[in-house]
Amino acid sequence: MQDSLNPNLAHADLLRSIVRASLDPLIAIDDHGTILLASDSVERLFDWKPEELVGQNVRVLMPEPHHSAHDGYLEAFRRTGKINIIGRTREFEVRRRNGSPFLADLSVNRAQLADGKPVFIGVFRDVTARRRAEMLVRDSEARFHAIFDSTLHFLGLLSPDGTILEINRTAVDATGVPVEEVLGKPFWKGPWWAPMPDGEAVVRASVERAARGETVQGELLVGTRTGQVLDVTFSIKPIRDPEGRVVLLLPEGRDVTELKRAQKAETQMLRALAQVGESAAVLVHEIKNPITAVNVALRAVADQLGTEHKVVLEDLASRMQRLQELMKGTLSFAKPVKLQPTCVPAKNYIDGCVSRLRLHIVKAGADVAVEAADESLRLEVDVALFEEVLANLVINAIDAQPHGARIKIRVEQEGTNVALHVDDNGPGIPAAKRDDVFRPFVSTKEQGTGLGLPICRKIVEEHGGSIEIGTSPLGGARFTIRLRPNLAKP
């Protein structure tokens, strides 16, 4: 009844009720900083009850330096009538009742009471969660760019319509085209496609296919600002949201210019080597017969001469014989290997190969033992060519230790491969020279041709395997041959 007789009192109660019900904490102060009114929501943010704050100076909600300086701000207002924060929202650090600080947006406005005195209304909003989210976004962006820019491949990011959103540092450095020059433009309008007459059409069609959900792959020519043309393999992959819609496109490119150049050079070299091989085969065939005839003639003449002349001719015949062997080895190394693989029991096959060397082994007083970790192990090999490998390794071991050579051949399962170890008790091969002995015409023997081990490796590699040199438990060299699963069956 009294409120209806006094409208001002009713309006004051209404205003006070509205303020107290504000969702965001609201505080009203006078021009000396005294809190006149506080909403109920201040308790949620500051841990103060509204009635506890009324009558206190607002600086109880402020940490340093604003705690000490706030009265000065208001004194300046009373003197000049000006205050900078009015009508603005700024981020401040404020504090709870227990003194713990947090970040809040503070919006301040000014009102005028009926008696002309100013009132300042501040509305607070906790931005801790927002700042944490912003920090997470910044960290995520930093990680994204760290990965995006550090990859060795060219990367981009496109909207589904092909608009360029990002280009990584690798692409920028390789092409010399700044990011700012292409951002916001269609991917097919980039200056990179200039070397291809139909480059724009090809790239545009690829983008349209990717936007429909297809992963597109191919090869492109990419131009740089220095005029260089790069061979690039590329793909454009669609990126989908949880509902399956294409929301981004990821173009990726790999510079294969040097790889293609190397492949071209290798192809040319192999073609040249093939021609050399063909020529060598013809040359060896043409030379072998005259050498044989000369060798026979020299020995026949030597029988008719005196001792001194006979020694000279015997030496010359020996040199011709070595030349003949070199020609034969060269022909064997140069001609292509044609395998006729057969699956054989490993132990029986190796025993047979060794038995056919028995005369050489007995003459040298050597001892050769064959072991198999599993009698069921089998080898899939060209029996004639692979026997040539084993014979070469055994004879080399005997030559390395002419008196009392001990040789052990062991075959065993090694993972998915079959490994064949040939050990000897000779002087071994120094680690620094192990790669060299597989090079043609490099020999550790005075009378060697330097083709035996290269031919061995060629045969083994044609079988899909590998051969390497190590140190033997017997003190000498260990040759290990490993055959791949497709050619080695247990």
Foldseek 3Di string as FASTA:
>chain_A
DVCVVPVVVVVVVVVLVVQQQDCFWKWKAFLQQATQFIHCNVCVVAVDGGVRRHGPGPLLFADPPCSVCVSVQSVVCVVVVDHPQAQHWDKGWTHHNVGDIAIWIKHKHWDADPVGTIMIMITIDGCRVVVVVVVVVVVVVVVVLVVQQPDLWWKFKAFLQQATAGTHNNVCVVAVDDPVVRHRHHPLPDPFQVVDPCSSVVVNVQSNVQQVADKDWDWGWTHHPVGDIFIKTKIKHFDADPVGHGGMIMIIIDGCRVVVVVVVVVVVVVVVLLVVLVVLLVVLVVVLVVLVVVLVVLQVVLVVDDDVVNVVSVVVSVVSVLVNVLSVLSNLLSDDDDWDWDKAQPQVLVVVLVVVCVVVCVVLVEAEEEEEPDRRWIFTGRSVLLSLLVVLLVVVQCVQPSHHKYWYWYWYDDPLKIKIKIAIQGQADDPVCFVVLLDAQDDPDPSDRSRSNVSSQSRLVVQVKGWGWDAHPSGYIMIMIIGHNVGIPD
